[in-house]
Amino acid sequence: MFGVEDWSSGVTSGVPQLLCPVELVAYWEGINSPSNGRIVESSFRASNDPKEPATDYDLACAISMLPQEAGLVPIANGKALVICGEIPFAAWVSATDFLGGYILVPEFWTEAGPDCQSILLTIHPNAYSNTGLELVSTEGFVLFAATDCMRDSDFESIKADCPAGIYQVGACLYDTAEFQLRIIRVKAA
């Protein structure tokens, strides 16, 4: 049984989370001003000062506010996946039947947490919407618990072991009276 209480999860303060290719982690600058003359394009500013340079966190927030499950943000010569919405915590669960895994975001649950592994096995592959998003990694992924922080933050990040490759992103909502779980599927193409 794999319930909510068993999760190795990234706990946040409600900020968007980021699934970042390992090889790009060092380039994420969170709320810090972009370095080396880099310019981040975003209309959102966490500082509420439009004259301040936009940060990686500003761009993640702008994407997170869109009415979608996830979006891509550029980092260096690649892209990372922003999990949209206000997220209290999320977990990475490796898939057992394909290369990749799932980002699980609980929206609601009762005290008796459900068996998440069993839930994942009962969801038909066609239940996942095709977001049209793709991620590329040569070393796997890291699920950042907080996009406002850099790689060495006080929030714990989770290593998502995946072989090198291109991954397609799908989304599904599992909803019962006792449990609501947002699921982002990251599956090798």
N, C-alpha and C. Protein backbone atom coordinates (compact mmCIF):
# COMPACT_ATOMS: atom_id res chain seq x y z
N MET A 1 0.84 -1.18 0.00
CA MET A 1 0.00 0.00 0.00
C MET A 1 0.89 1.24 0.00
N PHE A 2 0.56 2.18 -0.84
CA PHE A 2 1.32 3.43 -0.97
C PHE A 2 0.33 4.57 -0.84
N GLY A 3 0.20 5.11 0.38
CA GLY A 3 -0.75 6.18 0.63
C GLY A 3 -0.07 7.52 0.74
N VAL A 4 -0.83 8.56 0.91
CA VAL A 4 -0.33 9.93 1.01
C VAL A 4 0.74 10.03 2.10
N GLU A 5 0.52 9.35 3.22
CA GLU A 5 1.48 9.44 4.33
C GLU A 5 2.83 8.80 4.00
N ASP A 6 2.91 8.00 2.95
CA ASP A 6 4.16 7.33 2.56
C ASP A 6 4.96 8.12 1.52
N TRP A 7 4.44 9.22 1.07
CA TRP A 7 5.07 9.94 -0.02
C TRP A 7 6.41 10.54 0.40
N SER A 8 7.35 10.40 -0.48
CA SER A 8 8.57 11.21 -0.39
C SER A 8 8.21 12.44 -1.22
N SER A 9 7.76 13.48 -0.56
CA SER A 9 7.16 14.58 -1.30
C SER A 9 7.91 15.88 -1.11
N GLY A 10 7.71 16.76 -2.06
CA GLY A 10 8.20 18.12 -1.96
C GLY A 10 7.11 18.97 -1.37
N VAL A 11 7.33 19.51 -0.19
CA VAL A 11 6.34 20.36 0.47
C VAL A 11 6.68 21.81 0.17
N THR A 12 5.69 22.58 -0.24
CA THR A 12 5.92 23.97 -0.63
C THR A 12 5.08 24.91 0.21
N SER A 13 5.27 26.17 -0.05
CA SER A 13 4.42 27.19 0.59
C SER A 13 3.32 27.62 -0.38
N GLY A 14 2.99 26.77 -1.31
CA GLY A 14 1.92 27.06 -2.26
C GLY A 14 2.41 27.59 -3.60
N VAL A 15 3.72 27.62 -3.79
CA VAL A 15 4.26 28.11 -5.06
C VAL A 15 4.23 27.00 -6.10
N PRO A 16 4.29 27.35 -7.39
CA PRO A 16 4.31 26.31 -8.42
C PRO A 16 5.55 25.42 -8.24
N GLN A 17 5.41 24.18 -8.68
CA GLN A 17 6.55 23.26 -8.65
C GLN A 17 7.08 23.07 -10.06
N LEU A 18 8.30 22.55 -10.12
CA LEU A 18 9.03 22.47 -11.38
C LEU A 18 9.64 21.09 -11.52
N LEU A 19 9.40 20.43 -12.64
CA LEU A 19 10.09 19.20 -12.99
C LEU A 19 11.19 19.60 -13.97
N CYS A 20 12.42 19.56 -13.50
CA CYS A 20 13.55 20.11 -14.24
C CYS A 20 14.51 18.99 -14.65
N PRO A 21 14.93 18.95 -15.91
CA PRO A 21 15.98 18.01 -16.27
C PRO A 21 17.22 18.25 -15.40
N VAL A 22 17.82 17.17 -14.91
CA VAL A 22 18.97 17.28 -14.01
C VAL A 22 20.06 18.17 -14.59
N GLU A 23 20.30 18.05 -15.89
CA GLU A 23 21.38 18.80 -16.52
C GLU A 23 21.12 20.31 -16.56
N LEU A 24 19.89 20.75 -16.26
CA LEU A 24 19.55 22.17 -16.28
C LEU A 24 19.37 22.78 -14.89
N VAL A 25 19.41 21.95 -13.86
CA VAL A 25 19.15 22.41 -12.49
C VAL A 25 20.03 23.60 -12.11
N ALA A 26 21.30 23.57 -12.48
CA ALA A 26 22.24 24.64 -12.09
C ALA A 26 21.87 25.98 -12.70
N TYR A 27 21.04 26.01 -13.74
CA TYR A 27 20.69 27.26 -14.41
C TYR A 27 19.44 27.93 -13.82
N TRP A 28 18.70 27.23 -12.97
CA TRP A 28 17.48 27.80 -12.39
C TRP A 28 17.89 28.79 -11.30
N GLU A 29 17.40 30.04 -11.39
CA GLU A 29 17.82 31.08 -10.45
C GLU A 29 16.70 31.56 -9.52
N GLY A 30 15.54 30.92 -9.58
CA GLY A 30 14.46 31.23 -8.64
C GLY A 30 14.09 32.70 -8.64
N ILE A 31 14.07 33.33 -7.44
CA ILE A 31 13.70 34.74 -7.32
C ILE A 31 14.88 35.68 -7.52
N ASN A 32 16.05 35.12 -7.71
CA ASN A 32 17.23 35.96 -7.93
C ASN A 32 17.20 36.58 -9.32
N SER A 33 17.74 37.76 -9.45
CA SER A 33 17.82 38.40 -10.77
C SER A 33 18.65 37.54 -11.70
N PRO A 34 18.25 37.46 -12.96
CA PRO A 34 19.02 36.65 -13.91
C PRO A 34 20.47 37.10 -13.98
N SER A 35 21.36 36.14 -14.09
CA SER A 35 22.79 36.45 -14.12
C SER A 35 23.32 36.41 -15.55
N ASN A 36 24.54 36.86 -15.70
CA ASN A 36 25.26 36.81 -16.98
C ASN A 36 24.52 37.48 -18.13
N GLY A 37 23.79 38.54 -17.84
CA GLY A 37 23.10 39.29 -18.89
C GLY A 37 21.85 38.61 -19.43
N ARG A 38 21.45 37.51 -18.82
CA ARG A 38 20.27 36.78 -19.27
C ARG A 38 19.01 37.61 -19.00
N ILE A 39 18.05 37.55 -19.90
CA ILE A 39 16.79 38.28 -19.76
C ILE A 39 15.66 37.26 -19.73
N VAL A 40 14.81 37.37 -18.72
CA VAL A 40 13.62 36.52 -18.60
C VAL A 40 12.43 37.37 -19.02
N GLU A 41 11.62 36.84 -19.93
CA GLU A 41 10.43 37.55 -20.41
C GLU A 41 9.21 37.08 -19.63
N SER A 42 8.62 37.97 -18.84
CA SER A 42 7.41 37.65 -18.10
C SER A 42 6.70 38.94 -17.74
N SER A 43 5.37 38.95 -17.87
CA SER A 43 4.60 40.13 -17.49
C SER A 43 4.32 40.13 -15.98
N PHE A 44 4.43 38.97 -15.32
CA PHE A 44 4.19 38.86 -13.89
C PHE A 44 5.46 39.22 -13.11
N ARG A 45 5.30 39.94 -11.99
CA ARG A 45 6.41 40.22 -11.08
C ARG A 45 5.96 39.93 -9.66
N ALA A 46 6.62 39.02 -8.99
CA ALA A 46 6.32 38.73 -7.58
C ALA A 46 6.56 39.96 -6.73
N SER A 47 7.49 40.81 -7.16
CA SER A 47 7.83 42.02 -6.40
C SER A 47 6.78 43.12 -6.57
N ASN A 48 5.86 42.94 -7.51
CA ASN A 48 4.84 43.94 -7.86
C ASN A 48 5.44 45.21 -8.45
N ASP A 49 6.71 45.17 -8.81
CA ASP A 49 7.37 46.33 -9.43
C ASP A 49 7.72 45.98 -10.87
N PRO A 50 6.93 46.49 -11.83
CA PRO A 50 7.17 46.14 -13.24
C PRO A 50 8.52 46.62 -13.77
N LYS A 51 9.20 47.50 -13.03
CA LYS A 51 10.52 47.98 -13.47
C LYS A 51 11.64 47.00 -13.10
N GLU A 52 11.35 46.11 -12.15
CA GLU A 52 12.33 45.10 -11.76
C GLU A 52 12.49 44.09 -12.90
N PRO A 53 13.70 43.54 -13.08
CA PRO A 53 13.85 42.49 -14.10
C PRO A 53 13.06 41.25 -13.69
N ALA A 54 12.45 40.61 -14.67
CA ALA A 54 11.71 39.38 -14.41
C ALA A 54 12.69 38.27 -14.04
N THR A 55 12.22 37.37 -13.18
CA THR A 55 13.03 36.24 -12.72
C THR A 55 12.45 34.93 -13.24
N ASP A 56 13.19 33.84 -13.03
CA ASP A 56 12.67 32.51 -13.38
C ASP A 56 11.38 32.23 -12.62
N TYR A 57 11.35 32.63 -11.34
CA TYR A 57 10.16 32.44 -10.53
C TYR A 57 8.97 33.21 -11.09
N ASP A 58 9.20 34.45 -11.54
CA ASP A 58 8.13 35.24 -12.15
C ASP A 58 7.53 34.50 -13.34
N LEU A 59 8.38 33.94 -14.19
CA LEU A 59 7.91 33.23 -15.36
C LEU A 59 7.15 31.97 -14.96
N ALA A 60 7.64 31.24 -13.97
CA ALA A 60 6.93 30.04 -13.49
C ALA A 60 5.55 30.42 -12.96
N CYS A 61 5.46 31.53 -12.22
CA CYS A 61 4.16 31.98 -11.70
C CYS A 61 3.22 32.37 -12.83
N ALA A 62 3.74 33.06 -13.84
CA ALA A 62 2.91 33.47 -14.97
C ALA A 62 2.32 32.24 -15.67
N ILE A 63 3.13 31.22 -15.85
CA ILE A 63 2.66 29.98 -16.47
C ILE A 63 1.67 29.28 -15.55
N SER A 64 1.96 29.27 -14.26
CA SER A 64 1.12 28.58 -13.29
C SER A 64 -0.28 29.15 -13.21
N MET A 65 -0.44 30.42 -13.52
CA MET A 65 -1.75 31.07 -13.44
C MET A 65 -2.63 30.78 -14.65
N LEU A 66 -2.07 30.16 -15.67
CA LEU A 66 -2.86 29.84 -16.85
C LEU A 66 -3.81 28.69 -16.54
N PRO A 67 -4.96 28.62 -17.23
CA PRO A 67 -5.93 27.55 -16.94
C PRO A 67 -5.52 26.24 -17.60
N GLN A 68 -4.47 25.63 -17.10
CA GLN A 68 -3.96 24.37 -17.63
C GLN A 68 -3.29 23.61 -16.50
N GLU A 69 -2.97 22.36 -16.73
CA GLU A 69 -2.35 21.54 -15.69
C GLU A 69 -0.85 21.80 -15.57
N ALA A 70 -0.21 22.11 -16.70
CA ALA A 70 1.24 22.29 -16.70
C ALA A 70 1.63 23.12 -17.91
N GLY A 71 2.84 23.67 -17.85
CA GLY A 71 3.38 24.45 -18.96
C GLY A 71 4.89 24.35 -18.95
N LEU A 72 5.50 24.75 -20.06
CA LEU A 72 6.95 24.68 -20.18
C LEU A 72 7.58 26.04 -19.95
N VAL A 73 8.74 26.03 -19.32
CA VAL A 73 9.50 27.24 -19.08
C VAL A 73 10.91 27.01 -19.63
N PRO A 74 11.47 27.98 -20.37
CA PRO A 74 12.83 27.79 -20.89
C PRO A 74 13.88 27.94 -19.78
N ILE A 75 14.86 27.06 -19.82
CA ILE A 75 16.02 27.14 -18.94
C ILE A 75 17.23 26.81 -19.79
N ALA A 76 18.19 27.73 -19.83
CA ALA A 76 19.42 27.53 -20.62
C ALA A 76 19.04 27.05 -22.02
N ASN A 77 19.53 25.90 -22.43
CA ASN A 77 19.25 25.39 -23.78
C ASN A 77 18.16 24.33 -23.78
N GLY A 78 17.32 24.30 -22.74
CA GLY A 78 16.27 23.32 -22.66
C GLY A 78 15.01 23.88 -22.05
N LYS A 79 14.16 22.99 -21.55
CA LYS A 79 12.90 23.39 -20.94
C LYS A 79 12.62 22.54 -19.72
N ALA A 80 11.86 23.11 -18.80
CA ALA A 80 11.38 22.40 -17.61
C ALA A 80 9.87 22.52 -17.57
N LEU A 81 9.24 21.67 -16.78
CA LEU A 81 7.79 21.62 -16.68
C LEU A 81 7.33 22.29 -15.40
N VAL A 82 6.48 23.31 -15.53
CA VAL A 82 5.86 23.97 -14.38
C VAL A 82 4.53 23.28 -14.11
N ILE A 83 4.34 22.84 -12.86
CA ILE A 83 3.07 22.26 -12.45
C ILE A 83 2.21 23.43 -11.98
N CYS A 84 1.11 23.66 -12.65
CA CYS A 84 0.30 24.85 -12.42
C CYS A 84 -0.54 24.76 -11.15
N GLY A 85 -0.90 25.93 -10.65
CA GLY A 85 -1.77 26.03 -9.50
C GLY A 85 -1.01 26.17 -8.20
N GLU A 86 -1.78 26.36 -7.13
CA GLU A 86 -1.18 26.42 -5.79
C GLU A 86 -1.08 25.00 -5.28
N ILE A 87 0.14 24.58 -4.99
CA ILE A 87 0.40 23.18 -4.66
C ILE A 87 0.96 23.08 -3.24
N PRO A 88 0.24 22.39 -2.34
CA PRO A 88 0.79 22.24 -0.99
C PRO A 88 1.96 21.27 -0.97
N PHE A 89 1.86 20.19 -1.72
CA PHE A 89 2.96 19.27 -1.90
C PHE A 89 2.66 18.35 -3.06
N ALA A 90 3.69 17.73 -3.57
CA ALA A 90 3.56 16.80 -4.69
C ALA A 90 4.59 15.70 -4.50
N ALA A 91 4.38 14.61 -5.20
CA ALA A 91 5.31 13.49 -5.11
C ALA A 91 5.60 12.96 -6.51
N TRP A 92 6.75 12.34 -6.64
CA TRP A 92 7.10 11.62 -7.87
C TRP A 92 6.96 10.14 -7.57
N VAL A 93 6.26 9.43 -8.45
CA VAL A 93 6.13 7.98 -8.36
C VAL A 93 6.58 7.41 -9.69
N SER A 94 7.61 6.56 -9.65
CA SER A 94 8.08 5.93 -10.88
C SER A 94 7.01 4.98 -11.40
N ALA A 95 6.88 4.93 -12.72
CA ALA A 95 5.92 4.04 -13.35
C ALA A 95 6.44 2.60 -13.31
N THR A 96 5.52 1.66 -13.29
CA THR A 96 5.91 0.25 -13.32
C THR A 96 5.70 -0.36 -14.70
N ASP A 97 4.95 0.32 -15.58
CA ASP A 97 4.62 -0.26 -16.87
C ASP A 97 5.10 0.57 -18.07
N PHE A 98 5.86 1.64 -17.83
CA PHE A 98 6.45 2.42 -18.91
C PHE A 98 7.65 3.19 -18.36
N LEU A 99 8.48 3.74 -19.24
CA LEU A 99 9.61 4.57 -18.80
C LEU A 99 9.08 5.95 -18.44
N GLY A 100 9.31 6.35 -17.23
CA GLY A 100 8.83 7.65 -16.75
C GLY A 100 8.15 7.49 -15.41
N GLY A 101 7.18 8.34 -15.17
CA GLY A 101 6.47 8.28 -13.90
C GLY A 101 5.37 9.31 -13.81
N TYR A 102 4.96 9.56 -12.58
CA TYR A 102 3.83 10.43 -12.31
C TYR A 102 4.20 11.48 -11.27
N ILE A 103 3.68 12.67 -11.46
CA ILE A 103 3.70 13.68 -10.41
C ILE A 103 2.30 13.68 -9.82
N LEU A 104 2.21 13.39 -8.53
CA LEU A 104 0.92 13.31 -7.85
C LEU A 104 0.73 14.55 -7.01
N VAL A 105 -0.40 15.22 -7.20
CA VAL A 105 -0.72 16.42 -6.44
C VAL A 105 -2.08 16.20 -5.79
N PRO A 106 -2.09 15.96 -4.47
CA PRO A 106 -3.38 15.77 -3.81
C PRO A 106 -4.10 17.10 -3.66
N GLU A 107 -5.35 17.11 -4.02
CA GLU A 107 -6.17 18.32 -3.88
C GLU A 107 -7.04 18.22 -2.64
N PHE A 108 -7.43 16.98 -2.28
CA PHE A 108 -8.30 16.75 -1.13
C PHE A 108 -8.18 15.29 -0.74
N TRP A 109 -8.17 14.99 0.56
CA TRP A 109 -8.23 13.61 1.02
C TRP A 109 -8.74 13.56 2.44
N THR A 110 -9.33 12.42 2.80
CA THR A 110 -9.78 12.21 4.17
C THR A 110 -8.60 11.67 4.98
N GLU A 111 -8.83 11.46 6.26
CA GLU A 111 -7.75 10.96 7.11
C GLU A 111 -7.25 9.60 6.66
N ALA A 112 -8.11 8.78 6.14
CA ALA A 112 -7.69 7.48 5.63
C ALA A 112 -7.21 7.65 4.20
N GLY A 113 -5.94 7.91 4.05
CA GLY A 113 -5.37 8.14 2.73
C GLY A 113 -5.48 6.91 1.85
N PRO A 114 -5.80 7.09 0.59
CA PRO A 114 -5.98 5.96 -0.33
C PRO A 114 -4.63 5.38 -0.76
N ASP A 115 -4.69 4.23 -1.36
CA ASP A 115 -3.50 3.57 -1.91
C ASP A 115 -3.26 4.15 -3.31
N CYS A 116 -2.30 5.06 -3.39
CA CYS A 116 -2.03 5.77 -4.65
C CYS A 116 -1.54 4.84 -5.75
N GLN A 117 -0.72 3.83 -5.41
CA GLN A 117 -0.25 2.87 -6.42
C GLN A 117 -1.44 2.17 -7.06
N SER A 118 -2.40 1.74 -6.25
CA SER A 118 -3.59 1.06 -6.79
C SER A 118 -4.39 2.00 -7.69
N ILE A 119 -4.52 3.25 -7.27
CA ILE A 119 -5.24 4.23 -8.09
C ILE A 119 -4.58 4.36 -9.45
N LEU A 120 -3.26 4.50 -9.47
CA LEU A 120 -2.55 4.65 -10.74
C LEU A 120 -2.77 3.46 -11.66
N LEU A 121 -2.84 2.26 -11.10
CA LEU A 121 -3.04 1.05 -11.90
C LEU A 121 -4.45 0.95 -12.45
N THR A 122 -5.42 1.60 -11.81
CA THR A 122 -6.81 1.50 -12.29
C THR A 122 -7.15 2.53 -13.37
N ILE A 123 -6.32 3.53 -13.54
CA ILE A 123 -6.62 4.58 -14.52
C ILE A 123 -6.21 4.12 -15.91
N HIS A 124 -7.15 4.11 -16.82
CA HIS A 124 -6.88 3.70 -18.20
C HIS A 124 -5.96 4.73 -18.87
N PRO A 125 -5.00 4.28 -19.67
CA PRO A 125 -4.08 5.23 -20.34
C PRO A 125 -4.80 6.31 -21.15
N ASN A 126 -5.98 6.01 -21.68
CA ASN A 126 -6.72 7.00 -22.47
C ASN A 126 -7.35 8.09 -21.61
N ALA A 127 -7.35 7.91 -20.29
CA ALA A 127 -7.92 8.92 -19.39
C ALA A 127 -7.02 10.15 -19.28
N TYR A 128 -5.76 10.03 -19.68
CA TYR A 128 -4.84 11.16 -19.60
C TYR A 128 -4.99 12.05 -20.82
N SER A 129 -5.22 13.33 -20.57
CA SER A 129 -5.31 14.28 -21.69
C SER A 129 -3.90 14.48 -22.25
N ASN A 130 -3.83 14.70 -23.53
CA ASN A 130 -2.55 14.99 -24.17
C ASN A 130 -2.33 16.49 -24.08
N THR A 131 -1.36 16.90 -23.29
CA THR A 131 -1.11 18.33 -23.12
C THR A 131 -0.34 18.92 -24.29
N GLY A 132 0.26 18.05 -25.11
CA GLY A 132 1.09 18.52 -26.21
C GLY A 132 2.48 18.95 -25.76
N LEU A 133 2.78 18.78 -24.47
CA LEU A 133 4.07 19.20 -23.92
C LEU A 133 5.06 18.05 -23.96
N GLU A 134 6.33 18.38 -24.25
CA GLU A 134 7.40 17.39 -24.24
C GLU A 134 8.59 17.91 -23.47
N LEU A 135 9.23 17.02 -22.74
CA LEU A 135 10.45 17.33 -22.01
C LEU A 135 11.57 16.44 -22.53
N VAL A 136 12.77 16.97 -22.54
CA VAL A 136 13.94 16.19 -22.95
C VAL A 136 14.92 16.19 -21.80
N SER A 137 15.47 15.01 -21.51
CA SER A 137 16.48 14.92 -20.46
C SER A 137 17.55 13.92 -20.84
N THR A 138 18.77 14.22 -20.43
CA THR A 138 19.87 13.27 -20.63
C THR A 138 20.27 12.59 -19.33
N GLU A 139 19.72 13.08 -18.19
CA GLU A 139 20.14 12.55 -16.89
C GLU A 139 18.99 12.32 -15.91
N GLY A 140 17.76 12.39 -16.35
CA GLY A 140 16.64 12.27 -15.43
C GLY A 140 16.13 13.65 -15.03
N PHE A 141 15.28 13.69 -14.01
CA PHE A 141 14.63 14.93 -13.61
C PHE A 141 14.74 15.15 -12.10
N VAL A 142 14.53 16.41 -11.71
CA VAL A 142 14.41 16.77 -10.30
C VAL A 142 13.09 17.52 -10.16
N LEU A 143 12.28 17.12 -9.18
CA LEU A 143 11.04 17.82 -8.88
C LEU A 143 11.35 18.83 -7.79
N PHE A 144 11.43 20.12 -8.20
CA PHE A 144 11.69 21.20 -7.25
C PHE A 144 10.46 21.39 -6.38
N ALA A 145 10.66 21.43 -5.09
CA ALA A 145 9.55 21.69 -4.18
C ALA A 145 9.12 23.15 -4.24
N ALA A 146 10.03 24.04 -4.62
CA ALA A 146 9.71 25.46 -4.63
C ALA A 146 10.45 26.16 -5.76
N THR A 147 9.70 26.77 -6.66
CA THR A 147 10.31 27.44 -7.81
C THR A 147 10.91 28.79 -7.44
N ASP A 148 10.61 29.30 -6.25
CA ASP A 148 11.20 30.59 -5.87
C ASP A 148 12.64 30.42 -5.38
N CYS A 149 13.04 29.19 -5.13
CA CYS A 149 14.39 28.92 -4.63
C CYS A 149 15.29 28.39 -5.74
N MET A 150 16.57 28.51 -5.49
CA MET A 150 17.55 27.91 -6.38
C MET A 150 17.72 26.44 -5.98
N ARG A 151 18.64 25.77 -6.61
CA ARG A 151 18.84 24.33 -6.41
C ARG A 151 19.18 23.95 -4.98
N ASP A 152 19.81 24.84 -4.23
CA ASP A 152 20.21 24.50 -2.86
C ASP A 152 19.30 25.23 -1.87
N SER A 153 18.03 24.92 -1.94
CA SER A 153 17.05 25.63 -1.10
C SER A 153 16.81 24.87 0.19
N ASP A 154 16.03 25.49 1.06
CA ASP A 154 15.61 24.84 2.29
C ASP A 154 14.51 23.81 2.03
N PHE A 155 13.90 23.87 0.88
CA PHE A 155 12.86 22.92 0.52
C PHE A 155 13.51 21.72 -0.16
N GLU A 156 13.01 20.55 0.15
CA GLU A 156 13.61 19.33 -0.39
C GLU A 156 13.12 19.08 -1.81
N SER A 157 14.06 18.80 -2.69
CA SER A 157 13.73 18.41 -4.05
C SER A 157 13.79 16.89 -4.15
N ILE A 158 13.11 16.37 -5.13
CA ILE A 158 13.00 14.92 -5.29
C ILE A 158 13.63 14.51 -6.61
N LYS A 159 14.52 13.53 -6.58
CA LYS A 159 15.13 13.00 -7.80
C LYS A 159 14.14 12.07 -8.46
N ALA A 160 13.91 12.27 -9.74
CA ALA A 160 13.01 11.43 -10.52
C ALA A 160 13.86 10.69 -11.55
N ASP A 161 14.24 9.48 -11.20
CA ASP A 161 15.12 8.71 -12.09
C ASP A 161 14.38 8.31 -13.36
N CYS A 162 14.93 8.75 -14.49
CA CYS A 162 14.40 8.40 -15.80
C CYS A 162 15.59 8.30 -16.74
N PRO A 163 15.55 7.35 -17.67
CA PRO A 163 16.64 7.30 -18.63
C PRO A 163 16.59 8.50 -19.58
N ALA A 164 17.70 8.76 -20.26
CA ALA A 164 17.74 9.84 -21.24
C ALA A 164 16.66 9.63 -22.28
N GLY A 165 16.06 10.74 -22.71
CA GLY A 165 15.04 10.61 -23.74
C GLY A 165 14.09 11.79 -23.80
N ILE A 166 13.09 11.63 -24.64
CA ILE A 166 12.02 12.60 -24.82
C ILE A 166 10.80 12.06 -24.09
N TYR A 167 10.15 12.91 -23.31
CA TYR A 167 9.01 12.51 -22.50
C TYR A 167 7.80 13.36 -22.84
N GLN A 168 6.66 12.70 -23.02
CA GLN A 168 5.41 13.39 -23.28
C GLN A 168 4.64 13.54 -21.97
N VAL A 169 3.91 14.65 -21.86
CA VAL A 169 3.22 14.98 -20.63
C VAL A 169 1.71 14.85 -20.84
N GLY A 170 1.08 14.10 -19.94
CA GLY A 170 -0.37 13.96 -19.94
C GLY A 170 -0.91 14.34 -18.57
N ALA A 171 -2.21 14.56 -18.47
CA ALA A 171 -2.80 14.96 -17.19
C ALA A 171 -4.13 14.26 -16.99
N CYS A 172 -4.44 14.00 -15.71
CA CYS A 172 -5.68 13.32 -15.36
C CYS A 172 -6.09 13.77 -13.96
N LEU A 173 -7.37 13.77 -13.70
CA LEU A 173 -7.88 14.07 -12.36
C LEU A 173 -8.64 12.85 -11.86
N TYR A 174 -8.20 12.31 -10.74
CA TYR A 174 -8.89 11.21 -10.08
C TYR A 174 -9.72 11.85 -8.97
N ASP A 175 -11.04 11.62 -9.00
CA ASP A 175 -11.93 12.35 -8.10
C ASP A 175 -12.98 11.42 -7.50
N THR A 176 -12.97 11.32 -6.17
CA THR A 176 -14.02 10.61 -5.44
C THR A 176 -14.44 11.51 -4.28
N ALA A 177 -15.44 11.06 -3.52
CA ALA A 177 -15.90 11.84 -2.37
C ALA A 177 -14.83 11.92 -1.29
N GLU A 178 -13.92 10.93 -1.24
CA GLU A 178 -12.89 10.90 -0.20
C GLU A 178 -11.53 11.42 -0.65
N PHE A 179 -11.33 11.53 -1.95
CA PHE A 179 -9.98 11.80 -2.43
C PHE A 179 -10.01 12.45 -3.81
N GLN A 180 -9.23 13.51 -3.95
CA GLN A 180 -9.05 14.12 -5.27
C GLN A 180 -7.55 14.23 -5.52
N LEU A 181 -7.12 13.68 -6.62
CA LEU A 181 -5.70 13.61 -6.95
C LEU A 181 -5.47 14.09 -8.38
N ARG A 182 -4.66 15.11 -8.51
CA ARG A 182 -4.24 15.56 -9.84
C ARG A 182 -3.00 14.76 -10.21
N ILE A 183 -3.00 14.20 -11.41
CA ILE A 183 -1.90 13.34 -11.84
C ILE A 183 -1.31 13.90 -13.13
N ILE A 184 -0.01 14.14 -13.11
CA ILE A 184 0.72 14.54 -14.32
C ILE A 184 1.58 13.34 -14.71
N ARG A 185 1.30 12.77 -15.88
CA ARG A 185 2.05 11.61 -16.36
C ARG A 185 3.20 12.08 -17.25
N VAL A 186 4.40 11.61 -16.97
CA VAL A 186 5.59 11.94 -17.75
C VAL A 186 6.09 10.62 -18.33
N LYS A 187 5.85 10.42 -19.63
CA LYS A 187 6.05 9.11 -20.26
C LYS A 187 6.99 9.23 -21.45
N ALA A 188 7.95 8.30 -21.52
CA ALA A 188 8.90 8.29 -22.64
C ALA A 188 8.14 8.16 -23.96
N ALA A 189 8.55 8.98 -24.91
CA ALA A 189 7.88 9.00 -26.23
C ALA A 189 8.27 7.77 -27.04
